[in-house]
Amino acid sequence: MLSPHKFGRADQHVLEPQPDIKGIGDMEYSPEQGMVLLSDQWNGKVYIIYMDTARVITLMQNTVVRRLAHGM
C-alpha cells in the first residue's frame, strides 16, 4: 500500500483566482526573494508572483511598464 508520507505530499492549498494577463511587457525574476515581477502592458498592471505559493499580488494599476529595472 502506498503511503502519502513516503511517496507524495498530502498538503491542501487554496487556489486563488489568477489575473487575466493580456500582454507581457517585461518580466524580472529575483531568486533571492523568490518572486517574479510581471508587467501587463495591455491591462496596465504590474504583478508580483511568489514562486513558493504561486500567489499573485497587484503591485500597481493604471500604469504601463515596458522595461523593468534590473538588479532588484
PDB file of N, CA and C in Angstrom:
ATOM      1  N   MET A   1       0.841  -1.182   0.000  1.00  0.00           N
ATOM      2  CA  MET A   1       0.000   0.000   0.000  1.00  0.00           C
ATOM      3  C   MET A   1       0.888   1.248   0.000  1.00  0.00           C
ATOM      4  N   LEU A   2       0.542   2.234  -0.808  1.00  0.00           N
ATOM      5  CA  LEU A   2       1.303   3.470  -0.889  1.00  0.00           C
ATOM      6  C   LEU A   2       0.916   4.409   0.243  1.00  0.00           C
ATOM      7  N   SER A   3       1.893   5.022   0.810  1.00  0.00           N
ATOM      8  CA  SER A   3       1.656   5.984   1.877  1.00  0.00           C
ATOM      9  C   SER A   3       1.942   7.389   1.349  1.00  0.00           C
ATOM     10  N   PRO A   4       1.059   8.360   1.572  1.00  0.00           N
ATOM     11  CA  PRO A   4       1.335   9.717   1.099  1.00  0.00           C
ATOM     12  C   PRO A   4       2.537  10.345   1.804  1.00  0.00           C
ATOM     13  N   HIS A   5       2.905   9.797   2.948  1.00  0.00           N
ATOM     14  CA  HIS A   5       4.051  10.331   3.671  1.00  0.00           C
ATOM     15  C   HIS A   5       5.371   9.915   3.032  1.00  0.00           C
ATOM     16  N   LYS A   6       5.370   8.815   2.295  1.00  0.00           N
ATOM     17  CA  LYS A   6       6.580   8.355   1.633  1.00  0.00           C
ATOM     18  C   LYS A   6       6.650   8.800   0.179  1.00  0.00           C
ATOM     19  N   PHE A   7       5.537   8.813  -0.503  1.00  0.00           N
ATOM     20  CA  PHE A   7       5.541   8.985  -1.955  1.00  0.00           C
ATOM     21  C   PHE A   7       4.861  10.255  -2.437  1.00  0.00           C
ATOM     22  N   GLY A   8       4.617  11.196  -1.596  1.00  0.00           N
ATOM     23  CA  GLY A   8       3.978  12.438  -2.024  1.00  0.00           C
ATOM     24  C   GLY A   8       3.640  13.299  -0.829  1.00  0.00           C
ATOM     25  N   ARG A   9       2.992  14.375  -1.108  1.00  0.00           N
ATOM     26  CA  ARG A   9       2.592  15.277  -0.039  1.00  0.00           C
ATOM     27  C   ARG A   9       1.085  15.322   0.042  1.00  0.00           C
ATOM     28  N   ALA A  10       0.586  15.345   1.259  1.00  0.00           N
ATOM     29  CA  ALA A  10      -0.856  15.382   1.478  1.00  0.00           C
ATOM     30  C   ALA A  10      -1.326  16.794   1.825  1.00  0.00           C
ATOM     31  N   ASP A  11      -0.543  17.792   1.459  1.00  0.00           N
ATOM     32  CA  ASP A  11      -0.907  19.180   1.764  1.00  0.00           C
ATOM     33  C   ASP A  11      -2.089  19.627   0.919  1.00  0.00           C
ATOM     34  N   GLN A  12      -2.893  20.509   1.485  1.00  0.00           N
ATOM     35  CA  GLN A  12      -4.000  21.104   0.742  1.00  0.00           C
ATOM     36  C   GLN A  12      -3.713  22.591   0.577  1.00  0.00           C
ATOM     37  N   HIS A  13      -3.922  23.092  -0.629  1.00  0.00           N
ATOM     38  CA  HIS A  13      -3.681  24.501  -0.921  1.00  0.00           C
ATOM     39  C   HIS A  13      -4.949  25.124  -1.482  1.00  0.00           C
ATOM     40  N   VAL A  14      -5.188  26.359  -1.110  1.00  0.00           N
ATOM     41  CA  VAL A  14      -6.319  27.107  -1.648  1.00  0.00           C
ATOM     42  C   VAL A  14      -5.869  27.746  -2.958  1.00  0.00           C
ATOM     43  N   LEU A  15      -6.623  27.500  -4.019  1.00  0.00           N
ATOM     44  CA  LEU A  15      -6.306  28.102  -5.310  1.00  0.00           C
ATOM     45  C   LEU A  15      -6.964  29.471  -5.398  1.00  0.00           C
ATOM     46  N   GLU A  16      -6.150  30.482  -5.592  1.00  0.00           N
ATOM     47  CA  GLU A  16      -6.665  31.838  -5.717  1.00  0.00           C
ATOM     48  C   GLU A  16      -6.915  32.149  -7.185  1.00  0.00           C
ATOM     49  N   PRO A  17      -7.862  33.046  -7.476  1.00  0.00           N
ATOM     50  CA  PRO A  17      -8.082  33.423  -8.874  1.00  0.00           C
ATOM     51  C   PRO A  17      -6.845  34.094  -9.451  1.00  0.00           C
ATOM     52  N   GLN A  18      -6.490  33.721 -10.650  1.00  0.00           N
ATOM     53  CA  GLN A  18      -5.315  34.268 -11.315  1.00  0.00           C
ATOM     54  C   GLN A  18      -5.737  35.405 -12.245  1.00  0.00           C
ATOM     55  N   PRO A  19      -4.891  36.409 -12.398  1.00  0.00           N
ATOM     56  CA  PRO A  19      -5.240  37.535 -13.274  1.00  0.00           C
ATOM     57  C   PRO A  19      -5.247  37.115 -14.741  1.00  0.00           C
ATOM     58  N   ASP A  20      -6.044  37.812 -15.520  1.00  0.00           N
ATOM     59  CA  ASP A  20      -6.107  37.576 -16.961  1.00  0.00           C
ATOM     60  C   ASP A  20      -5.055  38.459 -17.623  1.00  0.00           C
ATOM     61  N   ILE A  21      -3.871  37.900 -17.827  1.00  0.00           N
ATOM     62  CA  ILE A  21      -2.753  38.659 -18.381  1.00  0.00           C
ATOM     63  C   ILE A  21      -2.872  38.673 -19.896  1.00  0.00           C
ATOM     64  N   LYS A  22      -2.875  39.878 -20.471  1.00  0.00           N
ATOM     65  CA  LYS A  22      -3.084  40.035 -21.914  1.00  0.00           C
ATOM     66  C   LYS A  22      -1.780  40.146 -22.695  1.00  0.00           C
ATOM     67  N   GLY A  23      -0.857  40.973 -22.239  1.00  0.00           N
ATOM     68  CA  GLY A  23       0.386  41.182 -22.979  1.00  0.00           C
ATOM     69  C   GLY A  23       1.531  41.501 -22.039  1.00  0.00           C
ATOM     70  N   ILE A  24       2.523  40.623 -21.953  1.00  0.00           N
ATOM     71  CA  ILE A  24       3.639  40.813 -21.038  1.00  0.00           C
ATOM     72  C   ILE A  24       4.595  41.854 -21.611  1.00  0.00           C
ATOM     73  N   GLY A  25       4.769  42.942 -20.874  1.00  0.00           N
ATOM     74  CA  GLY A  25       5.717  43.975 -21.274  1.00  0.00           C
ATOM     75  C   GLY A  25       7.130  43.614 -20.864  1.00  0.00           C
ATOM     76  N   ASP A  26       7.289  43.074 -19.646  1.00  0.00           N
ATOM     77  CA  ASP A  26       8.591  42.637 -19.153  1.00  0.00           C
ATOM     78  C   ASP A  26       8.369  41.746 -17.938  1.00  0.00           C
ATOM     79  N   MET A  27       9.390  40.947 -17.643  1.00  0.00           N
ATOM     80  CA  MET A  27       9.333  40.043 -16.515  1.00  0.00           C
ATOM     81  C   MET A  27      10.721  40.009 -15.877  1.00  0.00           C
ATOM     82  N   GLU A  28      10.771  40.048 -14.565  1.00  0.00           N
ATOM     83  CA  GLU A  28      12.047  40.046 -13.844  1.00  0.00           C
ATOM     84  C   GLU A  28      11.955  39.035 -12.704  1.00  0.00           C
ATOM     85  N   TYR A  29      12.918  38.111 -12.638  1.00  0.00           N
ATOM     86  CA  TYR A  29      12.946  37.067 -11.616  1.00  0.00           C
ATOM     87  C   TYR A  29      13.981  37.409 -10.558  1.00  0.00           C
ATOM     88  N   SER A  30      13.594  37.319  -9.297  1.00  0.00           N
ATOM     89  CA  SER A  30      14.504  37.561  -8.183  1.00  0.00           C
ATOM     90  C   SER A  30      14.615  36.283  -7.359  1.00  0.00           C
ATOM     91  N   PRO A  31      15.667  35.476  -7.571  1.00  0.00           N
ATOM     92  CA  PRO A  31      15.786  34.222  -6.818  1.00  0.00           C
ATOM     93  C   PRO A  31      16.012  34.447  -5.323  1.00  0.00           C
ATOM     94  N   GLU A  32      16.638  35.567  -4.936  1.00  0.00           N
ATOM     95  CA  GLU A  32      16.865  35.841  -3.518  1.00  0.00           C
ATOM     96  C   GLU A  32      15.550  36.043  -2.767  1.00  0.00           C
ATOM     97  N   GLN A  33      14.596  36.690  -3.427  1.00  0.00           N
ATOM     98  CA  GLN A  33      13.304  36.963  -2.798  1.00  0.00           C
ATOM     99  C   GLN A  33      12.246  35.940  -3.181  1.00  0.00           C
ATOM    100  N   GLY A  34      12.548  35.060  -4.121  1.00  0.00           N
ATOM    101  CA  GLY A  34      11.604  34.024  -4.527  1.00  0.00           C
ATOM    102  C   GLY A  34      10.360  34.572  -5.193  1.00  0.00           C
ATOM    103  N   MET A  35      10.532  35.587  -6.045  1.00  0.00           N
ATOM    104  CA  MET A  35       9.362  36.192  -6.682  1.00  0.00           C
ATOM    105  C   MET A  35       9.680  36.644  -8.098  1.00  0.00           C
ATOM    106  N   VAL A  36       8.607  36.869  -8.847  1.00  0.00           N
ATOM    107  CA  VAL A  36       8.698  37.372 -10.212  1.00  0.00           C
ATOM    108  C   VAL A  36       7.882  38.657 -10.286  1.00  0.00           C
ATOM    109  N   LEU A  37       8.461  39.701 -10.874  1.00  0.00           N
ATOM    110  CA  LEU A  37       7.719  40.918 -11.203  1.00  0.00           C
ATOM    111  C   LEU A  37       7.283  40.800 -12.650  1.00  0.00           C
ATOM    112  N   LEU A  38       6.011  41.045 -12.910  1.00  0.00           N
ATOM    113  CA  LEU A  38       5.458  40.872 -14.247  1.00  0.00           C
ATOM    114  C   LEU A  38       4.664  42.111 -14.630  1.00  0.00           C
ATOM    115  N   SER A  39       4.972  42.669 -15.783  1.00  0.00           N
ATOM    116  CA  SER A  39       4.275  43.849 -16.285  1.00  0.00           C
ATOM    117  C   SER A  39       3.295  43.427 -17.377  1.00  0.00           C
ATOM    118  N   ASP A  40       2.011  43.758 -17.184  1.00  0.00           N
ATOM    119  CA  ASP A  40       0.981  43.505 -18.195  1.00  0.00           C
ATOM    120  C   ASP A  40       0.653  44.847 -18.846  1.00  0.00           C
ATOM    121  N   GLN A  41       1.224  45.091 -20.022  1.00  0.00           N
ATOM    122  CA  GLN A  41       1.086  46.414 -20.635  1.00  0.00           C
ATOM    123  C   GLN A  41      -0.297  46.652 -21.220  1.00  0.00           C
ATOM    124  N   TRP A  42      -1.061  45.624 -21.552  1.00  0.00           N
ATOM    125  CA  TRP A  42      -2.405  45.834 -22.101  1.00  0.00           C
ATOM    126  C   TRP A  42      -3.412  46.168 -21.010  1.00  0.00           C
ATOM    127  N   ASN A  43      -3.280  45.543 -19.842  1.00  0.00           N
ATOM    128  CA  ASN A  43      -4.185  45.840 -18.729  1.00  0.00           C
ATOM    129  C   ASN A  43      -3.675  46.983 -17.860  1.00  0.00           C
ATOM    130  N   GLY A  44      -2.418  47.399 -18.068  1.00  0.00           N
ATOM    131  CA  GLY A  44      -1.853  48.497 -17.293  1.00  0.00           C
ATOM    132  C   GLY A  44      -1.602  48.150 -15.840  1.00  0.00           C
ATOM    133  N   LYS A  45      -1.093  46.929 -15.569  1.00  0.00           N
ATOM    134  CA  LYS A  45      -0.845  46.498 -14.194  1.00  0.00           C
ATOM    135  C   LYS A  45       0.532  45.865 -14.076  1.00  0.00           C
ATOM    136  N   VAL A  46       1.075  45.927 -12.864  1.00  0.00           N
ATOM    137  CA  VAL A  46       2.319  45.241 -12.533  1.00  0.00           C
ATOM    138  C   VAL A  46       1.997  44.280 -11.395  1.00  0.00           C
ATOM    139  N   TYR A  47       2.388  43.023 -11.556  1.00  0.00           N
ATOM    140  CA  TYR A  47       2.093  41.977 -10.583  1.00  0.00           C
ATOM    141  C   TYR A  47       3.365  41.465  -9.925  1.00  0.00           C
ATOM    142  N   ILE A  48       3.227  40.980  -8.688  1.00  0.00           N
ATOM    143  CA  ILE A  48       4.256  40.195  -8.016  1.00  0.00           C
ATOM    144  C   ILE A  48       3.716  38.774  -7.919  1.00  0.00           C
ATOM    145  N   ILE A  49       4.517  37.809  -8.343  1.00  0.00           N
ATOM    146  CA  ILE A  49       4.142  36.397  -8.238  1.00  0.00           C
ATOM    147  C   ILE A  49       5.156  35.723  -7.325  1.00  0.00           C
ATOM    148  N   TYR A  50       4.694  35.182  -6.206  1.00  0.00           N
ATOM    149  CA  TYR A  50       5.574  34.478  -5.277  1.00  0.00           C
ATOM    150  C   TYR A  50       5.721  33.032  -5.734  1.00  0.00           C
ATOM    151  N   MET A  51       6.960  32.592  -5.916  1.00  0.00           N
ATOM    152  CA  MET A  51       7.228  31.285  -6.503  1.00  0.00           C
ATOM    153  C   MET A  51       6.866  30.127  -5.575  1.00  0.00           C
ATOM    154  N   ASP A  52       7.000  30.295  -4.268  1.00  0.00           N
ATOM    155  CA  ASP A  52       6.734  29.179  -3.365  1.00  0.00           C
ATOM    156  C   ASP A  52       5.246  28.916  -3.174  1.00  0.00           C
ATOM    157  N   THR A  53       4.406  29.939  -3.296  1.00  0.00           N
ATOM    158  CA  THR A  53       2.968  29.769  -3.085  1.00  0.00           C
ATOM    159  C   THR A  53       2.137  30.012  -4.341  1.00  0.00           C
ATOM    160  N   ALA A  54       2.744  30.550  -5.407  1.00  0.00           N
ATOM    161  CA  ALA A  54       2.058  30.930  -6.649  1.00  0.00           C
ATOM    162  C   ALA A  54       1.008  32.017  -6.397  1.00  0.00           C
ATOM    163  N   ARG A  55       1.161  32.761  -5.318  1.00  0.00           N
ATOM    164  CA  ARG A  55       0.244  33.854  -5.002  1.00  0.00           C
ATOM    165  C   ARG A  55       0.572  35.063  -5.869  1.00  0.00           C
ATOM    166  N   VAL A  56      -0.459  35.703  -6.389  1.00  0.00           N
ATOM    167  CA  VAL A  56      -0.289  36.862  -7.270  1.00  0.00           C
ATOM    168  C   VAL A  56      -0.868  38.092  -6.580  1.00  0.00           C
ATOM    169  N   ILE A  57      -0.070  39.147  -6.514  1.00  0.00           N
ATOM    170  CA  ILE A  57      -0.499  40.410  -5.910  1.00  0.00           C
ATOM    171  C   ILE A  57      -0.333  41.515  -6.947  1.00  0.00           C
ATOM    172  N   THR A  58      -1.343  42.367  -7.072  1.00  0.00           N
ATOM    173  CA  THR A  58      -1.242  43.524  -7.959  1.00  0.00           C
ATOM    174  C   THR A  58      -0.443  44.604  -7.243  1.00  0.00           C
ATOM    175  N   LEU A  59       0.711  44.947  -7.808  1.00  0.00           N
ATOM    176  CA  LEU A  59       1.591  45.948  -7.207  1.00  0.00           C
ATOM    177  C   LEU A  59       1.181  47.361  -7.624  1.00  0.00           C
ATOM    178  N   MET A  60       0.887  47.563  -8.920  1.00  0.00           N
ATOM    179  CA  MET A  60       0.487  48.873  -9.438  1.00  0.00           C
ATOM    180  C   MET A  60      -0.623  48.695 -10.465  1.00  0.00           C
ATOM    181  N   GLN A  61      -1.504  49.687 -10.555  1.00  0.00           N
ATOM    182  CA  GLN A  61      -2.565  49.702 -11.554  1.00  0.00           C
ATOM    183  C   GLN A  61      -2.472  50.996 -12.358  1.00  0.00           C
ATOM    184  N   ASN A  62      -3.104  50.986 -13.524  1.00  0.00           N
ATOM    185  CA  ASN A  62      -3.141  52.158 -14.411  1.00  0.00           C
ATOM    186  C   ASN A  62      -1.744  52.661 -14.758  1.00  0.00           C
ATOM    187  N   THR A  63      -0.879  51.742 -15.105  1.00  0.00           N
ATOM    188  CA  THR A  63       0.484  52.093 -15.485  1.00  0.00           C
ATOM    189  C   THR A  63       0.947  51.187 -16.616  1.00  0.00           C
ATOM    190  N   VAL A  64       1.906  51.643 -17.374  1.00  0.00           N
ATOM    191  CA  VAL A  64       2.483  50.838 -18.451  1.00  0.00           C
ATOM    192  C   VAL A  64       3.984  50.764 -18.216  1.00  0.00           C
ATOM    193  N   VAL A  65       4.492  49.563 -18.071  1.00  0.00           N
ATOM    194  CA  VAL A  65       5.925  49.346 -17.881  1.00  0.00           C
ATOM    195  C   VAL A  65       6.398  48.456 -19.016  1.00  0.00           C
ATOM    196  N   ARG A  66       7.306  48.961 -19.812  1.00  0.00           N
ATOM    197  CA  ARG A  66       7.816  48.175 -20.932  1.00  0.00           C
ATOM    198  C   ARG A  66       9.154  47.537 -20.607  1.00  0.00           C
ATOM    199  N   ARG A  67       9.863  48.099 -19.672  1.00  0.00           N
ATOM    200  CA  ARG A  67      11.162  47.540 -19.295  1.00  0.00           C
ATOM    201  C   ARG A  67      11.365  47.773 -17.802  1.00  0.00           C
ATOM    202  N   LEU A  68      11.441  46.695 -17.028  1.00  0.00           N
ATOM    203  CA  LEU A  68      11.641  46.815 -15.591  1.00  0.00           C
ATOM    204  C   LEU A  68      13.123  46.999 -15.286  1.00  0.00           C
ATOM    205  N   ALA A  69      13.424  47.625 -14.170  1.00  0.00           N
ATOM    206  CA  ALA A  69      14.817  47.825 -13.761  1.00  0.00           C
ATOM    207  C   ALA A  69      15.427  46.500 -13.337  1.00  0.00           C
ATOM    208  N   HIS A  70      16.648  46.259 -13.742  1.00  0.00           N
ATOM    209  CA  HIS A  70      17.343  45.027 -13.376  1.00  0.00           C
ATOM    210  C   HIS A  70      18.070  45.217 -12.056  1.00  0.00           C
ATOM    211  N   GLY A  71      18.311  44.093 -11.385  1.00  0.00           N
ATOM    212  CA  GLY A  71      19.037  44.125 -10.120  1.00  0.00           C
ATOM    213  C   GLY A  71      18.182  44.589  -8.960  1.00  0.00           C
ATOM    214  N   MET A  72      17.040  43.908  -8.748  1.00  0.00           N
ATOM    215  CA  MET A  72      16.130  44.297  -7.674  1.00  0.00           C
ATOM    216  C   MET A  72      16.815  44.200  -6.328  1.00  0.00           C
TER     217      MET A  72
END
